[in-house]
Full PDB file with SEQRES, HELIX, SHEET, SSBOND, CRYST1, ORIGX, SCALE, CONECT and MASTER records, all heavy atoms in Angstrom:
SEQRES   1 A   36  GLN LEU MET SER ALA GLY LEU ALA PRO TYR ALA VAL LEU          
SEQRES   2 A   36  ASP GLU PRO THR ARG PRO ASP GLY THR PRO TRP PRO ALA          
SEQRES   3 A   36  MET ALA VAL THR PRO GLY GLY THR LEU GLN                      
HELIX    1 AA1 ALA A    8  ASP A   14  5                                   7    
CRYST1    1.000    1.000    1.000  90.00  90.00  90.00 P 1           1          
ORIGX1      1.000000  0.000000  0.000000        0.00000                         
ORIGX2      0.000000  1.000000  0.000000        0.00000                         
ORIGX3      0.000000  0.000000  1.000000        0.00000                         
SCALE1      1.000000  0.000000  0.000000        0.00000                         
SCALE2      0.000000  1.000000  0.000000        0.00000                         
SCALE3      0.000000  0.000000  1.000000        0.00000                         
ATOM      1  N   GLN A   1      46.322  93.562 213.130  1.00  0.00           N  
ATOM      2  CA  GLN A   1      45.868  92.462 212.275  1.00  0.00           C  
ATOM      3  C   GLN A   1      46.434  92.583 210.858  1.00  0.00           C  
ATOM      4  O   GLN A   1      45.875  92.058 209.911  1.00  0.00           O  
ATOM      5  CB  GLN A   1      44.333  92.448 212.221  1.00  0.00           C  
ATOM      6  CG  GLN A   1      43.676  92.254 213.564  1.00  0.00           C  
ATOM      7  CD  GLN A   1      42.160  92.276 213.481  1.00  0.00           C  
ATOM      8  OE1 GLN A   1      41.579  92.855 212.540  1.00  0.00           O  
ATOM      9  NE2 GLN A   1      41.511  91.655 214.432  1.00  0.00           N  
ATOM     10  N   LEU A   2      47.551  93.279 210.731  1.00  0.00           N  
ATOM     11  CA  LEU A   2      48.103  93.518 209.405  1.00  0.00           C  
ATOM     12  C   LEU A   2      48.632  92.237 208.768  1.00  0.00           C  
ATOM     13  O   LEU A   2      48.441  92.010 207.578  1.00  0.00           O  
ATOM     14  CB  LEU A   2      49.206  94.561 209.482  1.00  0.00           C  
ATOM     15  CG  LEU A   2      48.816  95.953 210.007  1.00  0.00           C  
ATOM     16  CD1 LEU A   2      49.996  96.910 209.924  1.00  0.00           C  
ATOM     17  CD2 LEU A   2      47.609  96.512 209.256  1.00  0.00           C  
ATOM     18  N   MET A   3      49.297  91.405 209.544  1.00  0.00           N  
ATOM     19  CA  MET A   3      49.901  90.204 208.964  1.00  0.00           C  
ATOM     20  C   MET A   3      48.851  89.207 208.488  1.00  0.00           C  
ATOM     21  O   MET A   3      49.054  88.489 207.519  1.00  0.00           O  
ATOM     22  CB  MET A   3      50.841  89.554 209.978  1.00  0.00           C  
ATOM     23  CG  MET A   3      52.006  90.435 210.404  1.00  0.00           C  
ATOM     24  SD  MET A   3      53.175  90.811 209.069  1.00  0.00           S  
ATOM     25  CE  MET A   3      54.186  89.336 209.055  1.00  0.00           C  
ATOM     26  N   SER A   4      47.720  89.160 209.170  1.00  0.00           N  
ATOM     27  CA  SER A   4      46.622  88.256 208.791  1.00  0.00           C  
ATOM     28  C   SER A   4      45.636  88.938 207.851  1.00  0.00           C  
ATOM     29  O   SER A   4      44.679  88.284 207.402  1.00  0.00           O  
ATOM     30  CB  SER A   4      45.874  87.792 210.030  1.00  0.00           C  
ATOM     31  OG  SER A   4      45.144  88.870 210.619  1.00  0.00           O  
ATOM     32  N   ALA A   5      45.833  90.233 207.592  1.00  0.00           N  
ATOM     33  CA  ALA A   5      44.859  91.049 206.843  1.00  0.00           C  
ATOM     34  C   ALA A   5      43.497  91.037 207.513  1.00  0.00           C  
ATOM     35  O   ALA A   5      42.478  91.291 206.854  1.00  0.00           O  
ATOM     36  CB  ALA A   5      44.770  90.600 205.392  1.00  0.00           C  
ATOM     37  N   GLY A   6      43.444  90.744 208.799  1.00  0.00           N  
ATOM     38  CA  GLY A   6      42.189  90.727 209.520  1.00  0.00           C  
ATOM     39  C   GLY A   6      41.300  89.536 209.225  1.00  0.00           C  
ATOM     40  O   GLY A   6      40.119  89.546 209.567  1.00  0.00           O  
ATOM     41  N   LEU A   7      41.851  88.491 208.634  1.00  0.00           N  
ATOM     42  CA  LEU A   7      41.107  87.293 208.289  1.00  0.00           C  
ATOM     43  C   LEU A   7      41.339  86.215 209.343  1.00  0.00           C  
ATOM     44  O   LEU A   7      42.474  85.798 209.583  1.00  0.00           O  
ATOM     45  CB  LEU A   7      41.530  86.783 206.912  1.00  0.00           C  
ATOM     46  CG  LEU A   7      41.298  87.791 205.758  1.00  0.00           C  
ATOM     47  CD1 LEU A   7      41.957  87.312 204.490  1.00  0.00           C  
ATOM     48  CD2 LEU A   7      39.815  88.022 205.542  1.00  0.00           C  
ATOM     49  N   ALA A   8      40.264  85.737 209.954  1.00  0.00           N  
ATOM     50  CA  ALA A   8      40.361  84.831 211.089  1.00  0.00           C  
ATOM     51  C   ALA A   8      41.174  83.564 210.806  1.00  0.00           C  
ATOM     52  O   ALA A   8      41.952  83.136 211.665  1.00  0.00           O  
ATOM     53  CB  ALA A   8      38.964  84.476 211.592  1.00  0.00           C  
ATOM     54  N   PRO A   9      41.057  82.923 209.637  1.00  0.00           N  
ATOM     55  CA  PRO A   9      41.841  81.698 209.420  1.00  0.00           C  
ATOM     56  C   PRO A   9      43.342  81.927 209.435  1.00  0.00           C  
ATOM     57  O   PRO A   9      44.117  80.974 209.596  1.00  0.00           O  
ATOM     58  CB  PRO A   9      41.375  81.227 208.042  1.00  0.00           C  
ATOM     59  CG  PRO A   9      40.026  81.832 207.859  1.00  0.00           C  
ATOM     60  CD  PRO A   9      40.114  83.164 208.532  1.00  0.00           C  
ATOM     61  N   TYR A  10      43.772  83.193 209.275  1.00  0.00           N  
ATOM     62  CA  TYR A  10      45.199  83.524 209.233  1.00  0.00           C  
ATOM     63  C   TYR A  10      45.668  84.211 210.513  1.00  0.00           C  
ATOM     64  O   TYR A  10      46.780  84.741 210.571  1.00  0.00           O  
ATOM     65  CB  TYR A  10      45.477  84.449 208.038  1.00  0.00           C  
ATOM     66  CG  TYR A  10      45.220  83.837 206.686  1.00  0.00           C  
ATOM     67  CD1 TYR A  10      43.967  83.951 206.083  1.00  0.00           C  
ATOM     68  CD2 TYR A  10      46.208  83.143 206.011  1.00  0.00           C  
ATOM     69  CE1 TYR A  10      43.726  83.390 204.845  1.00  0.00           C  
ATOM     70  CE2 TYR A  10      45.981  82.585 204.767  1.00  0.00           C  
ATOM     71  CZ  TYR A  10      44.731  82.714 204.191  1.00  0.00           C  
ATOM     72  OH  TYR A  10      44.485  82.160 202.945  1.00  0.00           O  
ATOM     73  N   ALA A  11      44.849  84.208 211.561  1.00  0.00           N  
ATOM     74  CA  ALA A  11      45.118  85.022 212.742  1.00  0.00           C  
ATOM     75  C   ALA A  11      46.463  84.712 213.403  1.00  0.00           C  
ATOM     76  O   ALA A  11      47.080  85.590 214.011  1.00  0.00           O  
ATOM     77  CB  ALA A  11      43.989  84.843 213.761  1.00  0.00           C  
ATOM     78  N   VAL A  12      46.936  83.480 213.259  1.00  0.00           N  
ATOM     79  CA  VAL A  12      48.204  83.113 213.874  1.00  0.00           C  
ATOM     80  C   VAL A  12      49.359  83.961 213.333  1.00  0.00           C  
ATOM     81  O   VAL A  12      50.371  84.171 214.020  1.00  0.00           O  
ATOM     82  CB  VAL A  12      48.482  81.605 213.667  1.00  0.00           C  
ATOM     83  CG1 VAL A  12      48.743  81.294 212.209  1.00  0.00           C  
ATOM     84  CG2 VAL A  12      49.656  81.123 214.518  1.00  0.00           C  
ATOM     85  N   LEU A  13      49.204  84.512 212.135  1.00  0.00           N  
ATOM     86  CA  LEU A  13      50.266  85.312 211.524  1.00  0.00           C  
ATOM     87  C   LEU A  13      50.504  86.615 212.292  1.00  0.00           C  
ATOM     88  O   LEU A  13      51.586  87.196 212.194  1.00  0.00           O  
ATOM     89  CB  LEU A  13      49.931  85.645 210.067  1.00  0.00           C  
ATOM     90  CG  LEU A  13      49.734  84.475 209.122  1.00  0.00           C  
ATOM     91  CD1 LEU A  13      49.402  84.987 207.716  1.00  0.00           C  
ATOM     92  CD2 LEU A  13      50.943  83.572 209.090  1.00  0.00           C  
ATOM     93  N   ASP A  14      49.508  87.074 213.021  1.00  0.00           N  
ATOM     94  CA  ASP A  14      49.659  88.319 213.770  1.00  0.00           C  
ATOM     95  C   ASP A  14      50.494  88.169 215.030  1.00  0.00           C  
ATOM     96  O   ASP A  14      50.951  89.162 215.592  1.00  0.00           O  
ATOM     97  CB  ASP A  14      48.273  88.870 214.162  1.00  0.00           C  
ATOM     98  CG  ASP A  14      47.478  89.334 212.958  1.00  0.00           C  
ATOM     99  OD1 ASP A  14      48.074  89.993 212.076  1.00  0.00           O  
ATOM    100  OD2 ASP A  14      46.265  89.027 212.900  1.00  0.00           O  
ATOM    101  N   GLU A  15      50.701  86.947 215.460  1.00  0.00           N  
ATOM    102  CA  GLU A  15      51.460  86.713 216.685  1.00  0.00           C  
ATOM    103  C   GLU A  15      52.953  86.981 216.437  1.00  0.00           C  
ATOM    104  O   GLU A  15      53.486  86.605 215.380  1.00  0.00           O  
ATOM    105  CB  GLU A  15      51.250  85.298 217.198  1.00  0.00           C  
ATOM    106  CG  GLU A  15      49.810  85.000 217.562  1.00  0.00           C  
ATOM    107  CD  GLU A  15      49.284  85.953 218.624  1.00  0.00           C  
ATOM    108  OE1 GLU A  15      50.046  86.295 219.554  1.00  0.00           O  
ATOM    109  OE2 GLU A  15      48.104  86.371 218.531  1.00  0.00           O  
ATOM    110  N   PRO A  16      53.647  87.615 217.389  1.00  0.00           N  
ATOM    111  CA  PRO A  16      55.063  87.905 217.191  1.00  0.00           C  
ATOM    112  C   PRO A  16      55.955  86.680 217.024  1.00  0.00           C  
ATOM    113  O   PRO A  16      57.012  86.753 216.417  1.00  0.00           O  
ATOM    114  CB  PRO A  16      55.441  88.675 218.461  1.00  0.00           C  
ATOM    115  CG  PRO A  16      54.155  89.249 218.949  1.00  0.00           C  
ATOM    116  CD  PRO A  16      53.101  88.229 218.614  1.00  0.00           C  
ATOM    117  N   THR A  17      55.520  85.536 217.568  1.00  0.00           N  
ATOM    118  CA  THR A  17      56.243  84.278 217.381  1.00  0.00           C  
ATOM    119  C   THR A  17      55.244  83.229 216.910  1.00  0.00           C  
ATOM    120  O   THR A  17      54.031  83.413 216.965  1.00  0.00           O  
ATOM    121  CB  THR A  17      56.895  83.794 218.687  1.00  0.00           C  
ATOM    122  OG1 THR A  17      55.858  83.504 219.652  1.00  0.00           O  
ATOM    123  CG2 THR A  17      57.845  84.838 219.258  1.00  0.00           C  
ATOM    124  N   ARG A  18      55.769  82.078 216.491  1.00  0.00           N  
ATOM    125  CA  ARG A  18      54.887  80.957 216.211  1.00  0.00           C  
ATOM    126  C   ARG A  18      54.215  80.511 217.520  1.00  0.00           C  
ATOM    127  O   ARG A  18      54.713  80.819 218.601  1.00  0.00           O  
ATOM    128  CB  ARG A  18      55.681  79.825 215.555  1.00  0.00           C  
ATOM    129  CG  ARG A  18      56.200  80.222 214.178  1.00  0.00           C  
ATOM    130  CD  ARG A  18      56.881  79.092 213.440  1.00  0.00           C  
ATOM    131  NE  ARG A  18      58.181  78.739 213.994  1.00  0.00           N  
ATOM    132  CZ  ARG A  18      59.094  77.987 213.367  1.00  0.00           C  
ATOM    133  NH1 ARG A  18      58.814  77.495 212.160  1.00  0.00           N  
ATOM    134  NH2 ARG A  18      60.244  77.720 213.923  1.00  0.00           N  
ATOM    135  N   PRO A  19      53.114  79.781 217.435  1.00  0.00           N  
ATOM    136  CA  PRO A  19      52.375  79.433 218.660  1.00  0.00           C  
ATOM    137  C   PRO A  19      53.194  78.697 219.712  1.00  0.00           C  
ATOM    138  O   PRO A  19      52.897  78.795 220.908  1.00  0.00           O  
ATOM    139  CB  PRO A  19      51.229  78.570 218.149  1.00  0.00           C  
ATOM    140  CG  PRO A  19      50.983  79.077 216.769  1.00  0.00           C  
ATOM    141  CD  PRO A  19      52.359  79.412 216.234  1.00  0.00           C  
ATOM    142  N   ASP A  20      54.243  77.970 219.287  1.00  0.00           N  
ATOM    143  CA  ASP A  20      55.052  77.255 220.283  1.00  0.00           C  
ATOM    144  C   ASP A  20      56.160  78.139 220.854  1.00  0.00           C  
ATOM    145  O   ASP A  20      57.004  77.670 221.635  1.00  0.00           O  
ATOM    146  CB  ASP A  20      55.663  75.993 219.685  1.00  0.00           C  
ATOM    147  CG  ASP A  20      56.654  76.257 218.564  1.00  0.00           C  
ATOM    148  OD1 ASP A  20      56.850  77.444 218.175  1.00  0.00           O  
ATOM    149  OD2 ASP A  20      57.271  75.291 218.062  1.00  0.00           O  
ATOM    150  N   GLY A  21      56.176  79.411 220.508  1.00  0.00           N  
ATOM    151  CA  GLY A  21      57.148  80.346 221.059  1.00  0.00           C  
ATOM    152  C   GLY A  21      58.420  80.476 220.258  1.00  0.00           C  
ATOM    153  O   GLY A  21      59.267  81.327 220.580  1.00  0.00           O  
ATOM    154  N   THR A  22      58.608  79.676 219.212  1.00  0.00           N  
ATOM    155  CA  THR A  22      59.810  79.780 218.385  1.00  0.00           C  
ATOM    156  C   THR A  22      59.647  80.940 217.387  1.00  0.00           C  
ATOM    157  O   THR A  22      58.525  81.284 216.989  1.00  0.00           O  
ATOM    158  CB  THR A  22      60.081  78.479 217.613  1.00  0.00           C  
ATOM    159  OG1 THR A  22      58.929  78.163 216.814  1.00  0.00           O  
ATOM    160  CG2 THR A  22      60.360  77.345 218.593  1.00  0.00           C  
ATOM    161  N   PRO A  23      60.756  81.552 216.979  1.00  0.00           N  
ATOM    162  CA  PRO A  23      60.649  82.704 216.057  1.00  0.00           C  
ATOM    163  C   PRO A  23      60.129  82.288 214.695  1.00  0.00           C  
ATOM    164  O   PRO A  23      60.364  81.169 214.231  1.00  0.00           O  
ATOM    165  CB  PRO A  23      62.100  83.206 215.954  1.00  0.00           C  
ATOM    166  CG  PRO A  23      62.824  82.590 217.105  1.00  0.00           C  
ATOM    167  CD  PRO A  23      62.146  81.300 217.393  1.00  0.00           C  
ATOM    168  N   TRP A  24      59.416  83.198 214.061  1.00  0.00           N  
ATOM    169  CA  TRP A  24      59.091  82.996 212.646  1.00  0.00           C  
ATOM    170  C   TRP A  24      60.392  82.997 211.846  1.00  0.00           C  
ATOM    171  O   TRP A  24      61.284  83.799 212.099  1.00  0.00           O  
ATOM    172  CB  TRP A  24      58.191  84.120 212.150  1.00  0.00           C  
ATOM    173  CG  TRP A  24      56.799  84.074 212.711  1.00  0.00           C  
ATOM    174  CD1 TRP A  24      56.300  84.873 213.700  1.00  0.00           C  
ATOM    175  CD2 TRP A  24      55.739  83.209 212.317  1.00  0.00           C  
ATOM    176  NE1 TRP A  24      54.982  84.550 213.932  1.00  0.00           N  
ATOM    177  CE2 TRP A  24      54.613  83.530 213.094  1.00  0.00           C  
ATOM    178  CE3 TRP A  24      55.629  82.186 211.359  1.00  0.00           C  
ATOM    179  CZ2 TRP A  24      53.397  82.867 212.971  1.00  0.00           C  
ATOM    180  CZ3 TRP A  24      54.402  81.531 211.229  1.00  0.00           C  
ATOM    181  CH2 TRP A  24      53.316  81.860 212.020  1.00  0.00           C  
ATOM    182  N   PRO A  25      60.550  82.086 210.885  1.00  0.00           N  
ATOM    183  CA  PRO A  25      61.760  82.094 210.066  1.00  0.00           C  
ATOM    184  C   PRO A  25      61.951  83.432 209.380  1.00  0.00           C  
ATOM    185  O   PRO A  25      60.996  84.063 208.930  1.00  0.00           O  
ATOM    186  CB  PRO A  25      61.507  80.978 209.047  1.00  0.00           C  
ATOM    187  CG  PRO A  25      60.525  80.074 209.711  1.00  0.00           C  
ATOM    188  CD  PRO A  25      59.643  80.975 210.523  1.00  0.00           C  
ATOM    189  N   ALA A  26      63.192  83.890 209.325  1.00  0.00           N  
ATOM    190  CA  ALA A  26      63.508  85.185 208.725  1.00  0.00           C  
ATOM    191  C   ALA A  26      64.666  85.020 207.740  1.00  0.00           C  
ATOM    192  O   ALA A  26      65.647  84.340 208.041  1.00  0.00           O  
ATOM    193  CB  ALA A  26      63.882  86.206 209.796  1.00  0.00           C  
ATOM    194  N   MET A  27      64.566  85.673 206.609  1.00  0.00           N  
ATOM    195  CA  MET A  27      65.628  85.625 205.598  1.00  0.00           C  
ATOM    196  C   MET A  27      66.718  86.606 205.972  1.00  0.00           C  
ATOM    197  O   MET A  27      66.450  87.764 206.309  1.00  0.00           O  
ATOM    198  CB  MET A  27      65.056  85.959 204.225  1.00  0.00           C  
ATOM    199  CG  MET A  27      66.080  85.960 203.120  1.00  0.00           C  
ATOM    200  SD  MET A  27      65.330  86.311 201.511  1.00  0.00           S  
ATOM    201  CE  MET A  27      66.800  86.414 200.482  1.00  0.00           C  
ATOM    202  N   ALA A  28      67.967  86.170 205.880  1.00  0.00           N  
ATOM    203  CA  ALA A  28      69.101  87.051 206.123  1.00  0.00           C  
ATOM    204  C   ALA A  28      69.251  88.026 204.958  1.00  0.00           C  
ATOM    205  O   ALA A  28      69.262  87.615 203.792  1.00  0.00           O  
ATOM    206  CB  ALA A  28      70.371  86.220 206.286  1.00  0.00           C  
ATOM    207  N   VAL A  29      69.350  89.317 205.256  1.00  0.00           N  
ATOM    208  CA  VAL A  29      69.512  90.344 204.253  1.00  0.00           C  
ATOM    209  C   VAL A  29      70.624  91.289 204.684  1.00  0.00           C  
ATOM    210  O   VAL A  29      71.072  91.275 205.832  1.00  0.00           O  
ATOM    211  CB  VAL A  29      68.198  91.132 204.014  1.00  0.00           C  
ATOM    212  CG1 VAL A  29      67.127  90.234 203.438  1.00  0.00           C  
ATOM    213  CG2 VAL A  29      67.718  91.781 205.302  1.00  0.00           C  
ATOM    214  N   THR A  30      71.067  92.149 203.756  1.00  0.00           N  
ATOM    215  CA  THR A  30      72.198  93.049 204.000  1.00  0.00           C  
ATOM    216  C   THR A  30      71.722  94.498 204.032  1.00  0.00           C  
ATOM    217  O   THR A  30      71.048  94.935 203.098  1.00  0.00           O  
ATOM    218  CB  THR A  30      73.246  92.871 202.889  1.00  0.00           C  
ATOM    219  OG1 THR A  30      73.673  91.508 202.844  1.00  0.00           O  
ATOM    220  CG2 THR A  30      74.450  93.766 203.140  1.00  0.00           C  
ATOM    221  N   PRO A  31      72.085  95.244 205.065  1.00  0.00           N  
ATOM    222  CA  PRO A  31      71.735  96.680 205.066  1.00  0.00           C  
ATOM    223  C   PRO A  31      72.281  97.357 203.811  1.00  0.00           C  
ATOM    224  O   PRO A  31      73.436  97.183 203.431  1.00  0.00           O  
ATOM    225  CB  PRO A  31      72.402  97.202 206.332  1.00  0.00           C  
ATOM    226  CG  PRO A  31      72.570  96.020 207.221  1.00  0.00           C  
ATOM    227  CD  PRO A  31      72.810  94.860 206.286  1.00  0.00           C  
ATOM    228  N   GLY A  32      71.437  98.144 203.162  1.00  0.00           N  
ATOM    229  CA  GLY A  32      71.845  98.834 201.944  1.00  0.00           C  
ATOM    230  C   GLY A  32      71.885  97.974 200.709  1.00  0.00           C  
ATOM    231  O   GLY A  32      72.197  98.472 199.621  1.00  0.00           O  
ATOM    232  N   GLY A  33      71.561  96.693 200.854  1.00  0.00           N  
ATOM    233  CA  GLY A  33      71.587  95.787 199.715  1.00  0.00           C  
ATOM    234  C   GLY A  33      70.322  95.868 198.877  1.00  0.00           C  
ATOM    235  O   GLY A  33      69.389  96.628 199.174  1.00  0.00           O  
ATOM    236  N   THR A  34      70.284  95.073 197.827  1.00  0.00           N  
ATOM    237  CA  THR A  34      69.118  95.006 196.961  1.00  0.00           C  
ATOM    238  C   THR A  34      68.436  93.652 197.160  1.00  0.00           C  
ATOM    239  O   THR A  34      69.091  92.612 197.126  1.00  0.00           O  
ATOM    240  CB  THR A  34      69.525  95.179 195.482  1.00  0.00           C  
ATOM    241  OG1 THR A  34      70.152  96.452 195.336  1.00  0.00           O  
ATOM    242  CG2 THR A  34      68.309  95.115 194.582  1.00  0.00           C  
ATOM    243  N   LEU A  35      67.145  93.682 197.365  1.00  0.00           N  
ATOM    244  CA  LEU A  35      66.379  92.468 197.637  1.00  0.00           C  
ATOM    245  C   LEU A  35      65.404  92.219 196.504  1.00  0.00           C  
ATOM    246  O   LEU A  35      64.646  93.113 196.111  1.00  0.00           O  
ATOM    247  CB  LEU A  35      65.613  92.638 198.954  1.00  0.00           C  
ATOM    248  CG  LEU A  35      64.734  91.463 199.400  1.00  0.00           C  
ATOM    249  CD1 LEU A  35      65.581  90.235 199.688  1.00  0.00           C  
ATOM    250  CD2 LEU A  35      63.924  91.840 200.636  1.00  0.00           C  
ATOM    251  N   GLN A  36      65.434  91.006 195.957  1.00  0.00           N  
ATOM    252  CA  GLN A  36      64.458  90.643 194.938  1.00  0.00           C  
ATOM    253  C   GLN A  36      63.180  90.166 195.609  1.00  0.00           C  
ATOM    254  O   GLN A  36      63.204  89.211 196.384  1.00  0.00           O  
ATOM    255  CB  GLN A  36      64.993  89.541 194.016  1.00  0.00           C  
ATOM    256  CG  GLN A  36      63.962  89.115 192.964  1.00  0.00           C  
ATOM    257  CD  GLN A  36      64.485  88.011 192.067  1.00  0.00           C  
ATOM    258  OE1 GLN A  36      65.303  88.251 191.179  1.00  0.00           O  
ATOM    259  NE2 GLN A  36      64.021  86.801 192.295  1.00  0.00           N  
TER     260      GLN A  36                                                      
MASTER        0    0    0    1    0    0    0    6  259    1    0    3          
END                                                                             
């Protein structure tokens, strides 16, 4: 329950994908790079 912080209104965040099965959007990053 880490992604939802254990709060029921946010429970969908704990699922590995969105409810329709599509991936959660992810930002492209570079190994060894600096992220703001």
